[in-house]
Amino acid sequence: MEIIFGVTGAILGLLGLVFSALAYHHNKIEAVNAFYENERNPHFINARRAVHDMSRAGYKPEEVLFLKAEDGTPLANYVSYVVLSYNQAGTLVEKRQLPIWLFETASGVGAVQHFEALKPYIIYRRENDTTDFGLPYENLVKAIKKKYPKEYKSY
């Protein structure tokens, strides 16, 4: 009888490990889907466009707080949304919930370009408001550049 309980316990333990591994894999897939869904979100698209326009216009970081995007939304809202979205992605990459290969193509180029455009604003916010503002985003960009050095030589 003890042998039956021992074997049953071992089988249930193995099943638990298998289901745990499957759940971990499923969570990674869900994180990838959520990332791509955010990339297609109209608000995120508008935010990236506003950041792109801002970088071309050459605004100073302190001006961003008082300016509005073309659609009338405060530019600081869009900038913060972009930073926070990439902060989330950076945190998930650090925790190994989001694979770095997502940033091998256009997503990585966009992340790096937006970071370079927002770097003065991020530094400004760190000095005047929050000391770790955009830190996971910065770590994400460093990880992207380290993983794909040939693609990001010019940045």
N, C-alpha and C. Protein backbone atom coordinates (compact mmCIF):
# COMPACT_ATOMS: atom_id res chain seq x y z
N MET A 1 0.81 -1.19 0.00
CA MET A 1 0.00 0.00 0.00
C MET A 1 0.86 1.27 0.00
N GLU A 2 1.96 1.23 0.80
CA GLU A 2 2.85 2.37 0.85
C GLU A 2 3.52 2.61 -0.50
N ILE A 3 3.80 1.56 -1.22
CA ILE A 3 4.42 1.67 -2.53
C ILE A 3 3.47 2.37 -3.49
N ILE A 4 2.19 2.04 -3.42
CA ILE A 4 1.20 2.65 -4.31
C ILE A 4 1.11 4.15 -4.02
N PHE A 5 1.07 4.52 -2.75
CA PHE A 5 1.01 5.93 -2.39
C PHE A 5 2.29 6.66 -2.80
N GLY A 6 3.42 6.00 -2.66
CA GLY A 6 4.70 6.59 -3.06
C GLY A 6 4.77 6.83 -4.55
N VAL A 7 4.36 5.84 -5.33
CA VAL A 7 4.36 5.97 -6.79
C VAL A 7 3.36 7.03 -7.22
N THR A 8 2.19 7.03 -6.61
CA THR A 8 1.16 8.03 -6.94
C THR A 8 1.67 9.43 -6.62
N GLY A 9 2.32 9.59 -5.49
CA GLY A 9 2.88 10.89 -5.12
C GLY A 9 3.95 11.34 -6.09
N ALA A 10 4.79 10.41 -6.52
CA ALA A 10 5.84 10.75 -7.47
C ALA A 10 5.24 11.18 -8.81
N ILE A 11 4.23 10.46 -9.26
CA ILE A 11 3.57 10.79 -10.54
C ILE A 11 2.90 12.16 -10.44
N LEU A 12 2.21 12.42 -9.33
CA LEU A 12 1.56 13.73 -9.15
C LEU A 12 2.60 14.85 -9.07
N GLY A 13 3.73 14.58 -8.45
CA GLY A 13 4.81 15.57 -8.40
C GLY A 13 5.35 15.89 -9.78
N LEU A 14 5.54 14.87 -10.60
CA LEU A 14 6.00 15.08 -11.97
C LEU A 14 4.97 15.84 -12.79
N LEU A 15 3.70 15.50 -12.61
CA LEU A 15 2.64 16.23 -13.32
C LEU A 15 2.64 17.70 -12.90
N GLY A 16 2.87 17.95 -11.63
CA GLY A 16 2.94 19.33 -11.15
C GLY A 16 4.07 20.09 -11.81
N LEU A 17 5.22 19.45 -11.96
CA LEU A 17 6.35 20.09 -12.62
C LEU A 17 6.05 20.36 -14.09
N VAL A 18 5.42 19.41 -14.76
CA VAL A 18 5.07 19.59 -16.17
C VAL A 18 4.09 20.75 -16.34
N PHE A 19 3.05 20.78 -15.50
CA PHE A 19 2.07 21.87 -15.60
C PHE A 19 2.68 23.22 -15.24
N SER A 20 3.60 23.23 -14.32
CA SER A 20 4.29 24.46 -13.95
C SER A 20 5.12 24.98 -15.13
N ALA A 21 5.83 24.09 -15.80
CA ALA A 21 6.62 24.48 -16.97
C ALA A 21 5.72 24.99 -18.10
N LEU A 22 4.60 24.31 -18.30
CA LEU A 22 3.66 24.76 -19.33
C LEU A 22 3.07 26.12 -19.00
N ALA A 23 2.76 26.35 -17.73
CA ALA A 23 2.22 27.64 -17.31
C ALA A 23 3.26 28.75 -17.51
N TYR A 24 4.52 28.47 -17.22
CA TYR A 24 5.59 29.45 -17.41
C TYR A 24 5.70 29.81 -18.89
N HIS A 25 5.67 28.80 -19.75
CA HIS A 25 5.75 29.03 -21.19
C HIS A 25 4.53 29.83 -21.66
N HIS A 26 3.37 29.49 -21.15
CA HIS A 26 2.14 30.20 -21.52
C HIS A 26 2.22 31.67 -21.09
N ASN A 27 2.76 31.93 -19.90
CA ASN A 27 2.88 33.31 -19.42
C ASN A 27 3.82 34.12 -20.32
N LYS A 28 4.89 33.50 -20.82
CA LYS A 28 5.78 34.19 -21.74
C LYS A 28 5.05 34.55 -23.03
N ILE A 29 4.26 33.62 -23.53
CA ILE A 29 3.50 33.89 -24.75
C ILE A 29 2.50 35.02 -24.52
N GLU A 30 1.86 35.02 -23.36
CA GLU A 30 0.92 36.09 -23.03
C GLU A 30 1.63 37.44 -22.93
N ALA A 31 2.84 37.45 -22.38
CA ALA A 31 3.61 38.69 -22.29
C ALA A 31 3.97 39.21 -23.68
N VAL A 32 4.34 38.31 -24.58
CA VAL A 32 4.65 38.70 -25.96
C VAL A 32 3.41 39.28 -26.62
N ASN A 33 2.27 38.61 -26.46
CA ASN A 33 1.02 39.10 -27.04
C ASN A 33 0.65 40.47 -26.48
N ALA A 34 0.80 40.65 -25.18
CA ALA A 34 0.48 41.94 -24.56
C ALA A 34 1.41 43.03 -25.08
N PHE A 35 2.68 42.71 -25.26
CA PHE A 35 3.62 43.70 -25.79
C PHE A 35 3.21 44.13 -27.19
N TYR A 36 2.92 43.15 -28.06
CA TYR A 36 2.52 43.49 -29.42
C TYR A 36 1.19 44.21 -29.46
N GLU A 37 0.28 43.86 -28.57
CA GLU A 37 -1.00 44.56 -28.53
C GLU A 37 -0.78 46.02 -28.12
N ASN A 38 0.10 46.26 -27.18
CA ASN A 38 0.40 47.64 -26.79
C ASN A 38 1.04 48.40 -27.94
N GLU A 39 1.89 47.73 -28.71
CA GLU A 39 2.52 48.38 -29.87
C GLU A 39 1.47 48.84 -30.89
N ARG A 40 0.35 48.13 -30.97
CA ARG A 40 -0.72 48.46 -31.92
C ARG A 40 -1.78 49.37 -31.31
N ASN A 41 -1.67 49.67 -30.04
CA ASN A 41 -2.64 50.52 -29.35
C ASN A 41 -2.61 51.92 -29.95
N PRO A 42 -3.77 52.48 -30.35
CA PRO A 42 -3.77 53.82 -30.96
C PRO A 42 -3.15 54.90 -30.07
N HIS A 43 -3.35 54.80 -28.76
CA HIS A 43 -2.77 55.79 -27.85
C HIS A 43 -1.24 55.70 -27.87
N PHE A 44 -0.71 54.48 -27.91
CA PHE A 44 0.74 54.31 -27.96
C PHE A 44 1.29 54.78 -29.30
N ILE A 45 0.56 54.55 -30.36
CA ILE A 45 0.99 55.03 -31.68
C ILE A 45 1.04 56.55 -31.69
N ASN A 46 0.01 57.19 -31.14
CA ASN A 46 0.01 58.66 -31.05
C ASN A 46 1.14 59.16 -30.16
N ALA A 47 1.41 58.44 -29.08
CA ALA A 47 2.48 58.84 -28.18
C ALA A 47 3.84 58.74 -28.87
N ARG A 48 4.05 57.66 -29.60
CA ARG A 48 5.33 57.53 -30.32
C ARG A 48 5.47 58.61 -31.38
N ARG A 49 4.38 58.93 -32.05
CA ARG A 49 4.42 59.99 -33.06
C ARG A 49 4.76 61.33 -32.40
N ALA A 50 4.16 61.60 -31.26
CA ALA A 50 4.44 62.86 -30.55
C ALA A 50 5.89 62.93 -30.11
N VAL A 51 6.44 61.80 -29.64
CA VAL A 51 7.86 61.77 -29.24
C VAL A 51 8.74 62.00 -30.46
N HIS A 52 8.39 61.38 -31.57
CA HIS A 52 9.16 61.57 -32.81
C HIS A 52 9.13 63.04 -33.23
N ASP A 53 7.93 63.64 -33.22
CA ASP A 53 7.82 65.05 -33.60
C ASP A 53 8.58 65.95 -32.63
N MET A 54 8.52 65.59 -31.34
CA MET A 54 9.21 66.36 -30.31
C MET A 54 10.72 66.33 -30.55
N SER A 55 11.24 65.16 -30.87
CA SER A 55 12.69 65.04 -31.07
C SER A 55 13.14 65.82 -32.30
N ARG A 56 12.30 65.85 -33.33
CA ARG A 56 12.66 66.61 -34.54
C ARG A 56 12.61 68.11 -34.28
N ALA A 57 11.69 68.54 -33.40
CA ALA A 57 11.56 69.98 -33.10
C ALA A 57 12.65 70.46 -32.14
N GLY A 58 13.28 69.54 -31.43
CA GLY A 58 14.38 69.90 -30.55
C GLY A 58 13.96 70.61 -29.27
N TYR A 59 12.84 70.23 -28.69
CA TYR A 59 12.41 70.86 -27.44
C TYR A 59 13.36 70.56 -26.31
N LYS A 60 13.47 71.50 -25.40
CA LYS A 60 14.25 71.30 -24.19
C LYS A 60 13.39 70.51 -23.20
N PRO A 61 14.02 69.71 -22.35
CA PRO A 61 13.26 68.86 -21.43
C PRO A 61 12.26 69.62 -20.57
N GLU A 62 12.64 70.78 -20.10
CA GLU A 62 11.72 71.54 -19.24
C GLU A 62 10.53 72.10 -20.02
N GLU A 63 10.66 72.23 -21.34
CA GLU A 63 9.56 72.72 -22.17
C GLU A 63 8.50 71.66 -22.37
N VAL A 64 8.88 70.40 -22.31
CA VAL A 64 7.95 69.31 -22.58
C VAL A 64 6.76 69.36 -21.63
N LEU A 65 7.00 69.81 -20.41
CA LEU A 65 5.93 69.84 -19.41
C LEU A 65 4.83 70.84 -19.76
N PHE A 66 5.13 71.81 -20.61
CA PHE A 66 4.17 72.87 -20.90
C PHE A 66 3.62 72.84 -22.33
N LEU A 67 4.12 71.94 -23.15
CA LEU A 67 3.70 71.90 -24.55
C LEU A 67 2.58 70.89 -24.77
N LYS A 68 1.93 71.05 -25.91
CA LYS A 68 0.87 70.11 -26.29
C LYS A 68 1.23 69.47 -27.62
N ALA A 69 0.78 68.22 -27.79
CA ALA A 69 0.99 67.52 -29.06
C ALA A 69 0.02 68.09 -30.10
N GLU A 70 0.12 67.64 -31.33
CA GLU A 70 -0.74 68.13 -32.40
C GLU A 70 -2.22 67.94 -32.10
N ASP A 71 -2.57 66.87 -31.39
CA ASP A 71 -3.98 66.61 -31.09
C ASP A 71 -4.47 67.32 -29.83
N GLY A 72 -3.63 68.14 -29.22
CA GLY A 72 -4.03 68.91 -28.05
C GLY A 72 -3.72 68.24 -26.72
N THR A 73 -3.27 67.00 -26.75
CA THR A 73 -2.91 66.29 -25.53
C THR A 73 -1.59 66.85 -25.00
N PRO A 74 -1.48 67.05 -23.69
CA PRO A 74 -0.19 67.50 -23.16
C PRO A 74 0.94 66.55 -23.57
N LEU A 75 2.00 67.12 -24.07
CA LEU A 75 3.12 66.33 -24.57
C LEU A 75 3.73 65.47 -23.46
N ALA A 76 3.74 65.98 -22.25
CA ALA A 76 4.29 65.23 -21.12
C ALA A 76 3.51 63.93 -20.89
N ASN A 77 2.22 63.93 -21.16
CA ASN A 77 1.43 62.70 -21.01
C ASN A 77 1.91 61.63 -21.99
N TYR A 78 2.11 62.03 -23.23
CA TYR A 78 2.58 61.09 -24.24
C TYR A 78 3.98 60.60 -23.93
N VAL A 79 4.85 61.51 -23.53
CA VAL A 79 6.23 61.13 -23.22
C VAL A 79 6.25 60.15 -22.06
N SER A 80 5.50 60.44 -21.02
CA SER A 80 5.45 59.53 -19.87
C SER A 80 4.88 58.18 -20.24
N TYR A 81 3.89 58.18 -21.13
CA TYR A 81 3.28 56.92 -21.56
C TYR A 81 4.30 56.06 -22.30
N VAL A 82 5.09 56.67 -23.16
CA VAL A 82 6.12 55.92 -23.89
C VAL A 82 7.15 55.36 -22.91
N VAL A 83 7.62 56.21 -22.01
CA VAL A 83 8.63 55.76 -21.04
C VAL A 83 8.08 54.64 -20.17
N LEU A 84 6.87 54.79 -19.68
CA LEU A 84 6.30 53.77 -18.81
C LEU A 84 6.02 52.46 -19.56
N SER A 85 5.64 52.55 -20.82
CA SER A 85 5.43 51.34 -21.61
C SER A 85 6.73 50.57 -21.79
N TYR A 86 7.79 51.29 -22.11
CA TYR A 86 9.07 50.62 -22.25
C TYR A 86 9.66 50.23 -20.90
N ASN A 87 9.32 50.96 -19.83
CA ASN A 87 9.71 50.53 -18.48
C ASN A 87 9.14 49.15 -18.19
N GLN A 88 7.87 48.98 -18.53
CA GLN A 88 7.21 47.69 -18.30
C GLN A 88 7.90 46.59 -19.10
N ALA A 89 8.19 46.86 -20.35
CA ALA A 89 8.88 45.88 -21.18
C ALA A 89 10.26 45.57 -20.62
N GLY A 90 10.96 46.60 -20.18
CA GLY A 90 12.29 46.40 -19.60
C GLY A 90 12.26 45.56 -18.34
N THR A 91 11.28 45.81 -17.50
CA THR A 91 11.14 45.02 -16.28
C THR A 91 10.84 43.57 -16.61
N LEU A 92 9.96 43.34 -17.59
CA LEU A 92 9.63 41.97 -17.98
C LEU A 92 10.82 41.26 -18.61
N VAL A 93 11.65 41.98 -19.35
CA VAL A 93 12.86 41.37 -19.91
C VAL A 93 13.83 41.02 -18.79
N GLU A 94 13.99 41.92 -17.82
CA GLU A 94 14.87 41.65 -16.69
C GLU A 94 14.41 40.42 -15.90
N LYS A 95 13.10 40.25 -15.77
CA LYS A 95 12.54 39.12 -15.02
C LYS A 95 12.40 37.87 -15.88
N ARG A 96 12.86 37.97 -17.12
CA ARG A 96 12.82 36.87 -18.08
C ARG A 96 11.39 36.41 -18.40
N GLN A 97 10.46 37.35 -18.31
CA GLN A 97 9.08 37.07 -18.69
C GLN A 97 8.81 37.48 -20.14
N LEU A 98 9.63 38.37 -20.66
CA LEU A 98 9.52 38.84 -22.04
C LEU A 98 10.85 38.56 -22.72
N PRO A 99 10.84 37.80 -23.81
CA PRO A 99 12.11 37.45 -24.45
C PRO A 99 12.74 38.65 -25.17
N ILE A 100 14.04 38.72 -25.11
CA ILE A 100 14.78 39.83 -25.73
C ILE A 100 14.70 39.77 -27.26
N TRP A 101 14.43 38.60 -27.81
CA TRP A 101 14.37 38.50 -29.28
C TRP A 101 13.27 39.35 -29.87
N LEU A 102 12.31 39.80 -29.07
CA LEU A 102 11.28 40.71 -29.57
C LEU A 102 11.87 41.99 -30.12
N PHE A 103 13.04 42.36 -29.60
CA PHE A 103 13.64 43.63 -29.94
C PHE A 103 14.73 43.50 -30.99
N GLU A 104 14.72 42.39 -31.70
CA GLU A 104 15.71 42.18 -32.75
C GLU A 104 15.38 42.99 -34.00
N THR A 105 14.12 43.31 -34.19
CA THR A 105 13.70 43.98 -35.43
C THR A 105 13.18 45.39 -35.12
N ALA A 106 12.09 45.77 -35.73
CA ALA A 106 11.57 47.14 -35.64
C ALA A 106 11.24 47.55 -34.21
N SER A 107 10.80 46.64 -33.39
CA SER A 107 10.49 46.99 -32.00
C SER A 107 11.73 47.47 -31.27
N GLY A 108 12.85 46.84 -31.54
CA GLY A 108 14.11 47.25 -30.92
C GLY A 108 14.59 48.58 -31.45
N VAL A 109 14.47 48.77 -32.75
CA VAL A 109 14.88 50.04 -33.35
C VAL A 109 14.05 51.17 -32.76
N GLY A 110 12.74 50.95 -32.66
CA GLY A 110 11.87 51.97 -32.09
C GLY A 110 12.21 52.27 -30.64
N ALA A 111 12.45 51.22 -29.86
CA ALA A 111 12.78 51.41 -28.45
C ALA A 111 14.06 52.22 -28.30
N VAL A 112 15.07 51.90 -29.08
CA VAL A 112 16.36 52.60 -28.98
C VAL A 112 16.21 54.04 -29.48
N GLN A 113 15.55 54.25 -30.60
CA GLN A 113 15.39 55.60 -31.13
C GLN A 113 14.60 56.48 -30.18
N HIS A 114 13.53 55.94 -29.62
CA HIS A 114 12.74 56.73 -28.68
C HIS A 114 13.53 57.04 -27.41
N PHE A 115 14.34 56.07 -26.97
CA PHE A 115 15.15 56.34 -25.79
C PHE A 115 16.14 57.47 -26.05
N GLU A 116 16.79 57.43 -27.20
CA GLU A 116 17.76 58.48 -27.53
C GLU A 116 17.06 59.84 -27.61
N ALA A 117 15.84 59.86 -28.15
CA ALA A 117 15.10 61.12 -28.22
C ALA A 117 14.66 61.59 -26.84
N LEU A 118 14.34 60.66 -25.96
CA LEU A 118 13.83 61.00 -24.64
C LEU A 118 14.89 61.11 -23.56
N LYS A 119 16.12 60.77 -23.89
CA LYS A 119 17.18 60.74 -22.88
C LYS A 119 17.33 62.07 -22.12
N PRO A 120 17.32 63.22 -22.81
CA PRO A 120 17.41 64.47 -22.04
C PRO A 120 16.24 64.66 -21.07
N TYR A 121 15.04 64.29 -21.51
CA TYR A 121 13.87 64.41 -20.63
C TYR A 121 13.97 63.44 -19.45
N ILE A 122 14.43 62.22 -19.71
CA ILE A 122 14.58 61.23 -18.64
C ILE A 122 15.59 61.72 -17.61
N ILE A 123 16.71 62.25 -18.07
CA ILE A 123 17.73 62.79 -17.16
C ILE A 123 17.16 63.97 -16.37
N TYR A 124 16.42 64.83 -17.05
CA TYR A 124 15.79 65.97 -16.39
C TYR A 124 14.85 65.50 -15.28
N ARG A 125 14.02 64.51 -15.59
CA ARG A 125 13.08 63.99 -14.57
C ARG A 125 13.82 63.33 -13.42
N ARG A 126 14.91 62.65 -13.69
CA ARG A 126 15.69 62.02 -12.62
C ARG A 126 16.28 63.07 -11.69
N GLU A 127 16.75 64.16 -12.26
CA GLU A 127 17.37 65.21 -11.45
C GLU A 127 16.35 66.01 -10.66
N ASN A 128 15.14 66.15 -11.19
CA ASN A 128 14.16 67.05 -10.57
C ASN A 128 12.97 66.37 -9.92
N ASP A 129 12.80 65.08 -10.13
CA ASP A 129 11.57 64.46 -9.66
C ASP A 129 11.83 63.08 -9.06
N THR A 130 12.01 62.12 -9.92
CA THR A 130 12.15 60.72 -9.51
C THR A 130 13.53 60.22 -9.91
N THR A 131 14.28 59.74 -8.95
CA THR A 131 15.67 59.37 -9.22
C THR A 131 15.81 58.15 -10.14
N ASP A 132 14.80 57.32 -10.20
CA ASP A 132 14.91 56.13 -11.05
C ASP A 132 13.94 56.17 -12.24
N PHE A 133 13.52 57.35 -12.63
CA PHE A 133 12.61 57.50 -13.76
C PHE A 133 13.25 56.93 -15.03
N GLY A 134 12.59 55.99 -15.67
CA GLY A 134 13.07 55.41 -16.92
C GLY A 134 14.21 54.43 -16.78
N LEU A 135 14.55 54.03 -15.58
CA LEU A 135 15.69 53.13 -15.39
C LEU A 135 15.47 51.76 -16.04
N PRO A 136 14.30 51.12 -15.88
CA PRO A 136 14.12 49.84 -16.59
C PRO A 136 14.18 50.01 -18.11
N TYR A 137 13.71 51.15 -18.61
CA TYR A 137 13.78 51.44 -20.04
C TYR A 137 15.24 51.57 -20.47
N GLU A 138 16.04 52.27 -19.69
CA GLU A 138 17.47 52.40 -20.00
C GLU A 138 18.15 51.04 -19.98
N ASN A 139 17.81 50.22 -19.01
CA ASN A 139 18.38 48.86 -18.94
C ASN A 139 17.95 48.03 -20.13
N LEU A 140 16.72 48.22 -20.58
CA LEU A 140 16.24 47.51 -21.78
C LEU A 140 17.07 47.91 -22.99
N VAL A 141 17.30 49.18 -23.17
CA VAL A 141 18.09 49.66 -24.31
C VAL A 141 19.52 49.12 -24.25
N LYS A 142 20.10 49.10 -23.06
CA LYS A 142 21.44 48.52 -22.91
C LYS A 142 21.44 47.04 -23.28
N ALA A 143 20.40 46.31 -22.86
CA ALA A 143 20.31 44.88 -23.18
C ALA A 143 20.14 44.67 -24.69
N ILE A 144 19.35 45.52 -25.32
CA ILE A 144 19.15 45.42 -26.77
C ILE A 144 20.47 45.66 -27.49
N LYS A 145 21.17 46.72 -27.11
CA LYS A 145 22.44 47.05 -27.76
C LYS A 145 23.49 45.97 -27.52
N LYS A 146 23.46 45.36 -26.34
CA LYS A 146 24.42 44.30 -26.04
C LYS A 146 24.10 43.04 -26.84
N LYS A 147 22.82 42.72 -26.95
CA LYS A 147 22.41 41.50 -27.66
C LYS A 147 22.60 41.64 -29.17
N TYR A 148 22.35 42.83 -29.71
CA TYR A 148 22.42 43.06 -31.15
C TYR A 148 23.36 44.23 -31.45
N PRO A 149 24.66 44.10 -31.19
CA PRO A 149 25.58 45.23 -31.32
C PRO A 149 25.73 45.76 -32.75
N LYS A 150 25.65 44.89 -33.75
CA LYS A 150 25.83 45.33 -35.13
C LYS A 150 24.71 46.28 -35.56
N GLU A 151 23.49 46.01 -35.11
CA GLU A 151 22.34 46.82 -35.53
C GLU A 151 22.35 48.21 -34.90
N TYR A 152 23.04 48.36 -33.77
CA TYR A 152 22.95 49.61 -33.02
C TYR A 152 24.29 50.30 -32.84
N LYS A 153 25.17 50.17 -33.81
CA LYS A 153 26.47 50.84 -33.74
C LYS A 153 26.31 52.37 -33.78
N SER A 154 25.35 52.85 -34.53
CA SER A 154 25.22 54.29 -34.74
C SER A 154 24.52 55.00 -33.59
N TYR A 155 24.00 54.24 -32.61
CA TYR A 155 23.26 54.90 -31.53
C TYR A 155 24.13 55.09 -30.33
